[in-house]
């Protein structure tokens, strides 16, 4: 979770020895396993008993020093981002994954046939949103000499990986966001060994956690709240 401060606020903070303390509340935390505030900048009350909200307040002296450092590094910036906390969402298996995947391999000495089925899962998101910039990466060994694929993929001989790129998947996509990637690889040193594939994507306007934020008290206001999620390590075993 990141808070962006406008550059003009640095002058306000430095000219005021005791600026108003910025307090914020994180709501809908029941699905979180762990919350890790930025220990250098953020305080919290460990005795708070509400299981669905948690209040935090910022060390304004430390925040001022940190923002001054950022402005010295990039004086032309309009906003400066401060990471205030990280959290871990409890997983409910495949129901928690926004893009479900299944892989099928058929390996022989001369060829490898690969099929990857994918399915958009709106239940994983608080508000179903488009998964964009999707990239599927599949390592294939065995000395690939030729690849035929549908939809068309790119073969990177140096990395020995096939790459598919999909523009976006949602409930409004064809077949409700379900589809199949297919490829046939000709080999010179087969057979191939089935491998784990990796996927990258991002989504704007929603979260997997359902977490929300609001300011507590006066002196500050939120002009905009952006929600997004993106893949880190997102793998599908064979």
Protein backbone atom coordinates (compact mmCIF):
# COMPACT_ATOMS: atom_id res chain seq x y z
CA UNK A 1 0.00 0.00 0.00
CA UNK A 2 1.47 3.31 -1.12
CA UNK A 3 0.56 6.92 -0.32
CA UNK A 4 1.57 9.61 -2.83
CA UNK A 5 2.39 13.05 -1.42
CA UNK A 6 2.33 16.17 -3.65
CA UNK A 7 5.71 17.87 -3.85
CA UNK A 8 4.35 21.09 -2.33
CA UNK A 9 3.63 19.40 0.98
CA UNK A 10 7.35 19.07 1.72
CA UNK A 11 7.63 22.83 2.22
CA UNK A 12 4.60 22.73 4.52
CA UNK A 13 6.14 19.95 6.60
CA UNK A 14 9.60 21.53 6.86
CA UNK A 15 8.25 24.96 7.84
CA UNK A 16 6.05 23.49 10.58
CA UNK A 17 7.89 21.83 13.49
CA UNK A 18 4.71 19.93 14.47
CA UNK A 19 2.61 19.13 11.39
CA UNK A 20 -0.73 17.42 11.90
CA UNK A 21 -0.30 13.68 12.30
CA UNK A 22 -1.53 11.74 9.28
CA UNK A 23 -3.76 8.89 10.45
CA UNK A 24 -5.39 6.31 8.21
CA UNK A 25 -7.63 3.31 8.64
CA UNK A 26 -7.38 0.08 6.66
CA UNK A 27 -10.78 -1.58 6.29
CA UNK A 28 -12.00 -5.02 5.26
CA UNK A 29 -8.94 -6.81 6.60
CA UNK A 30 -10.66 -10.07 7.52
CA UNK A 31 -9.07 -11.85 4.51
CA UNK A 32 -5.55 -10.80 5.47
CA UNK A 33 -3.15 -13.20 7.16
CA UNK A 34 -0.51 -10.61 7.95
CA UNK A 35 -0.08 -6.81 7.90
CA UNK A 36 3.45 -5.40 7.92
CA UNK A 37 3.60 -1.60 8.35
CA UNK A 38 6.73 0.29 7.33
CA UNK A 39 8.44 0.24 10.73
CA UNK A 40 10.48 3.38 9.99
CA UNK A 41 7.47 5.55 9.16
CA UNK A 42 4.25 4.00 10.49
CA UNK A 43 2.86 3.13 13.93
CA UNK A 44 -0.12 0.98 14.85
CA UNK A 45 -1.99 -0.02 17.98
CA UNK A 46 -1.46 -3.76 18.61
CA UNK A 47 -4.28 -3.78 21.17
CA UNK A 48 -6.94 -2.71 18.67
CA UNK A 49 -9.66 -5.37 18.82
CA UNK A 50 -11.75 -4.71 15.69
CA UNK A 51 -11.15 -7.73 13.46
CA UNK A 52 -12.11 -5.92 10.24
CA UNK A 53 -10.31 -2.57 10.58
CA UNK A 54 -6.93 -1.36 11.79
CA UNK A 55 -5.73 2.19 12.43
CA UNK A 56 -2.26 3.52 11.67
CA UNK A 57 -0.53 6.85 12.14
CA UNK A 58 2.65 8.20 10.63
CA UNK A 59 5.84 9.41 12.25
CA UNK A 60 5.70 12.89 10.74
CA UNK A 61 9.32 13.75 11.52
CA UNK A 62 10.53 10.59 9.80
CA UNK A 63 8.13 11.15 6.88
CA UNK A 64 9.44 14.69 6.42
CA UNK A 65 13.05 13.48 6.33
CA UNK A 66 12.14 10.73 3.88
CA UNK A 67 10.24 13.08 1.55
CA UNK A 68 13.12 15.59 1.58
CA UNK A 69 15.48 12.78 0.56
CA UNK A 70 13.18 11.79 -2.31
CA UNK A 71 12.91 15.42 -3.49
CA UNK A 72 16.70 15.78 -3.51
CA UNK A 73 16.96 12.65 -5.66
CA UNK A 74 14.24 13.80 -8.06
CA UNK A 75 13.49 17.53 -7.61
CA UNK A 76 11.26 17.75 -10.71
CA UNK A 77 8.71 15.16 -9.52
CA UNK A 78 5.13 16.28 -8.86
CA UNK A 79 4.44 13.47 -6.38
CA UNK A 80 6.53 11.28 -4.12
CA UNK A 81 5.46 7.73 -3.27
CA UNK A 82 5.81 6.34 0.24
CA UNK A 83 5.28 2.63 0.89
CA UNK A 84 3.31 2.54 4.15
CA UNK A 85 2.55 -1.16 4.55
CA UNK A 86 2.51 -4.60 2.99
CA UNK A 87 -0.02 -7.34 3.59
CA UNK A 88 -0.54 -11.00 2.80
CA UNK A 89 -3.92 -12.28 1.65
CA UNK A 90 -5.15 -15.65 2.88
CA UNK A 91 -5.44 -18.14 0.03
CA UNK A 92 -8.36 -20.38 -0.73
CA UNK A 93 -6.61 -22.48 -3.35
CA UNK A 94 -7.69 -22.24 -6.96
CA UNK A 95 -10.71 -20.14 -5.96
CA UNK A 96 -8.30 -17.32 -5.05
CA UNK A 97 -6.52 -17.20 -8.42
CA UNK A 98 -7.88 -14.75 -11.03
CA UNK A 99 -6.62 -16.85 -13.95
CA UNK A 100 -6.88 -20.63 -13.62
CA UNK A 101 -4.51 -22.72 -15.74
CA UNK A 102 -4.12 -26.36 -16.73
CA UNK A 103 -1.27 -27.73 -18.87
CA UNK A 104 -1.08 -30.92 -20.92
CA UNK A 105 2.11 -32.33 -22.43
CA UNK A 106 2.62 -35.13 -24.96
CA UNK A 107 6.32 -35.80 -25.39
CA UNK A 108 8.04 -38.11 -27.87
CA UNK A 109 11.55 -38.34 -29.28
CA UNK A 110 10.77 -36.16 -32.29
CA UNK A 111 7.97 -33.84 -31.17
CA UNK A 112 6.32 -32.23 -28.15
CA UNK A 113 2.66 -31.27 -28.14
CA UNK A 114 1.57 -28.70 -25.57
CA UNK A 115 -1.87 -27.45 -24.58
CA UNK A 116 -2.57 -24.75 -22.01
CA UNK A 117 -6.17 -24.16 -20.96
CA UNK A 118 -6.94 -20.90 -19.16
CA UNK A 119 -10.09 -19.63 -17.50
CA UNK A 120 -10.90 -16.21 -16.07
CA UNK A 121 -12.09 -16.45 -12.46
CA UNK A 122 -14.18 -13.41 -11.41
CA UNK A 123 -14.79 -14.91 -7.96
CA UNK A 124 -11.17 -14.16 -7.01
CA UNK A 125 -11.74 -10.40 -7.26
CA UNK A 126 -13.87 -8.06 -5.18
CA UNK A 127 -14.96 -6.32 -8.39
CA UNK A 128 -14.29 -8.39 -11.54
CA UNK A 129 -11.87 -6.46 -13.73
CA UNK A 130 -9.94 -7.04 -16.94
CA UNK A 131 -6.64 -8.94 -16.73
CA UNK A 132 -4.33 -7.12 -19.13
CA UNK A 133 -0.82 -7.48 -20.53
CA UNK A 134 -1.02 -11.25 -20.12
CA UNK A 135 2.15 -13.13 -21.02
CA UNK A 136 2.54 -16.90 -20.80
CA UNK A 137 6.10 -18.28 -20.79
CA UNK A 138 6.79 -22.00 -21.30
CA UNK A 139 10.30 -23.51 -21.23
CA UNK A 140 10.73 -26.37 -23.72
CA UNK A 141 13.95 -28.39 -23.94
CA UNK A 142 14.94 -31.17 -26.33
CA UNK A 143 16.49 -29.03 -29.04
CA UNK A 144 13.51 -27.25 -30.58
CA UNK A 145 14.00 -26.77 -34.33
CA UNK A 146 10.52 -25.54 -35.24
CA UNK A 147 7.33 -24.39 -33.51
CA UNK A 148 3.74 -24.28 -34.75
CA UNK A 149 1.32 -22.52 -32.41
CA UNK A 150 -2.23 -21.23 -32.12
CA UNK A 151 -2.69 -18.44 -31.30
CA UNK A 152 0.73 -17.46 -32.67
CA UNK A 153 3.52 -17.52 -30.10
CA UNK A 154 7.13 -16.36 -30.20
CA UNK A 155 9.96 -18.85 -29.78
CA UNK A 156 13.09 -17.52 -28.05
CA UNK A 157 15.87 -19.96 -28.96
CA UNK A 158 18.37 -18.42 -26.54
CA UNK A 159 16.05 -18.78 -23.54
CA UNK A 160 14.43 -21.97 -24.92
CA UNK A 161 10.98 -20.56 -24.14
CA UNK A 162 7.72 -20.05 -25.98
CA UNK A 163 5.93 -16.75 -25.30
CA UNK A 164 2.24 -16.02 -25.80
CA UNK A 165 0.87 -12.52 -25.37
CA UNK A 166 -2.83 -11.86 -24.76
CA UNK A 167 -4.21 -8.32 -24.76
CA UNK A 168 -6.88 -8.83 -22.11
CA UNK A 169 -9.22 -11.38 -20.55
CA UNK A 170 -12.50 -10.76 -18.71
CA UNK A 171 -16.05 -12.07 -18.36
CA UNK A 172 -16.88 -10.15 -21.53
CA UNK A 173 -14.20 -11.95 -23.53
CA UNK A 174 -15.05 -14.77 -25.92
CA UNK A 175 -16.25 -17.89 -24.06
CA UNK A 176 -16.44 -15.91 -20.82
CA UNK A 177 -12.68 -15.56 -20.63
CA UNK A 178 -11.83 -19.19 -21.31
CA UNK A 179 -9.40 -20.23 -24.00
CA UNK A 180 -6.65 -22.58 -25.11
CA UNK A 181 -3.04 -22.13 -26.21
CA UNK A 182 -1.60 -24.89 -28.41
CA UNK A 183 1.86 -25.57 -29.76
CA UNK A 184 3.77 -28.35 -31.50
CA UNK A 185 7.55 -28.40 -31.26
CA UNK A 186 9.85 -30.34 -33.58
CA UNK A 187 12.91 -31.63 -31.72
CA UNK A 188 16.47 -32.66 -32.55
CA UNK A 189 17.39 -33.95 -29.09
CA UNK A 190 14.07 -35.13 -27.68
CA UNK A 191 12.13 -36.04 -25.81
CA UNK A 192 11.31 -32.86 -23.86
CA UNK A 193 10.62 -32.89 -20.14
CA UNK A 194 7.33 -31.28 -19.02
CA UNK A 195 8.08 -28.06 -17.16
CA UNK A 196 6.41 -25.41 -15.02
CA UNK A 197 5.09 -22.42 -16.95
CA UNK A 198 5.00 -18.82 -15.69
CA UNK A 199 2.36 -16.16 -16.27
CA UNK A 200 2.40 -12.40 -15.92
CA UNK A 201 -0.57 -10.02 -15.90
CA UNK A 202 -1.96 -6.98 -14.14
CA UNK A 203 -5.37 -5.52 -13.42
CA UNK A 204 -6.50 -1.98 -12.67
CA UNK A 205 -9.51 -0.97 -10.58
CA UNK A 206 -9.83 -3.93 -8.25
CA UNK A 207 -8.01 -5.97 -5.61
CA UNK A 208 -7.85 -9.58 -4.52
CA UNK A 209 -7.98 -8.64 -0.85
CA UNK A 210 -11.02 -6.36 -0.66
CA UNK A 211 -8.94 -3.98 1.46
CA UNK A 212 -9.87 -0.28 1.46
CA UNK A 213 -8.37 2.83 3.04
CA UNK A 214 -9.72 6.04 4.56
CA UNK A 215 -8.14 8.94 6.41
CA UNK A 216 -8.95 9.49 10.07
CA UNK A 217 -9.17 13.00 11.51
CA UNK A 218 -8.62 16.36 9.85
CA UNK A 219 -5.76 18.14 8.14
CA UNK A 220 -5.47 15.86 5.11
CA UNK A 221 -7.66 14.47 2.36
CA UNK A 222 -7.42 11.70 -0.21
CA UNK A 223 -7.82 13.10 -3.70
CA UNK A 224 -7.71 9.71 -5.44
CA UNK A 225 -7.57 6.02 -4.51
CA UNK A 226 -6.14 3.66 -7.12
CA UNK A 227 -6.52 -0.09 -6.88
CA UNK A 228 -4.50 -2.60 -8.86
CA UNK A 229 -2.89 -5.99 -8.59
CA UNK A 230 -0.15 -7.67 -10.58
CA UNK A 231 1.55 -11.05 -10.64
CA UNK A 232 4.73 -11.84 -8.77
CA UNK A 233 5.49 -15.55 -9.03
CA UNK A 234 2.45 -17.03 -10.81
CA UNK A 235 3.23 -20.58 -11.88
CA UNK A 236 1.35 -23.58 -13.25
CA UNK A 237 2.79 -27.06 -12.78
CA UNK A 238 2.44 -29.76 -15.38
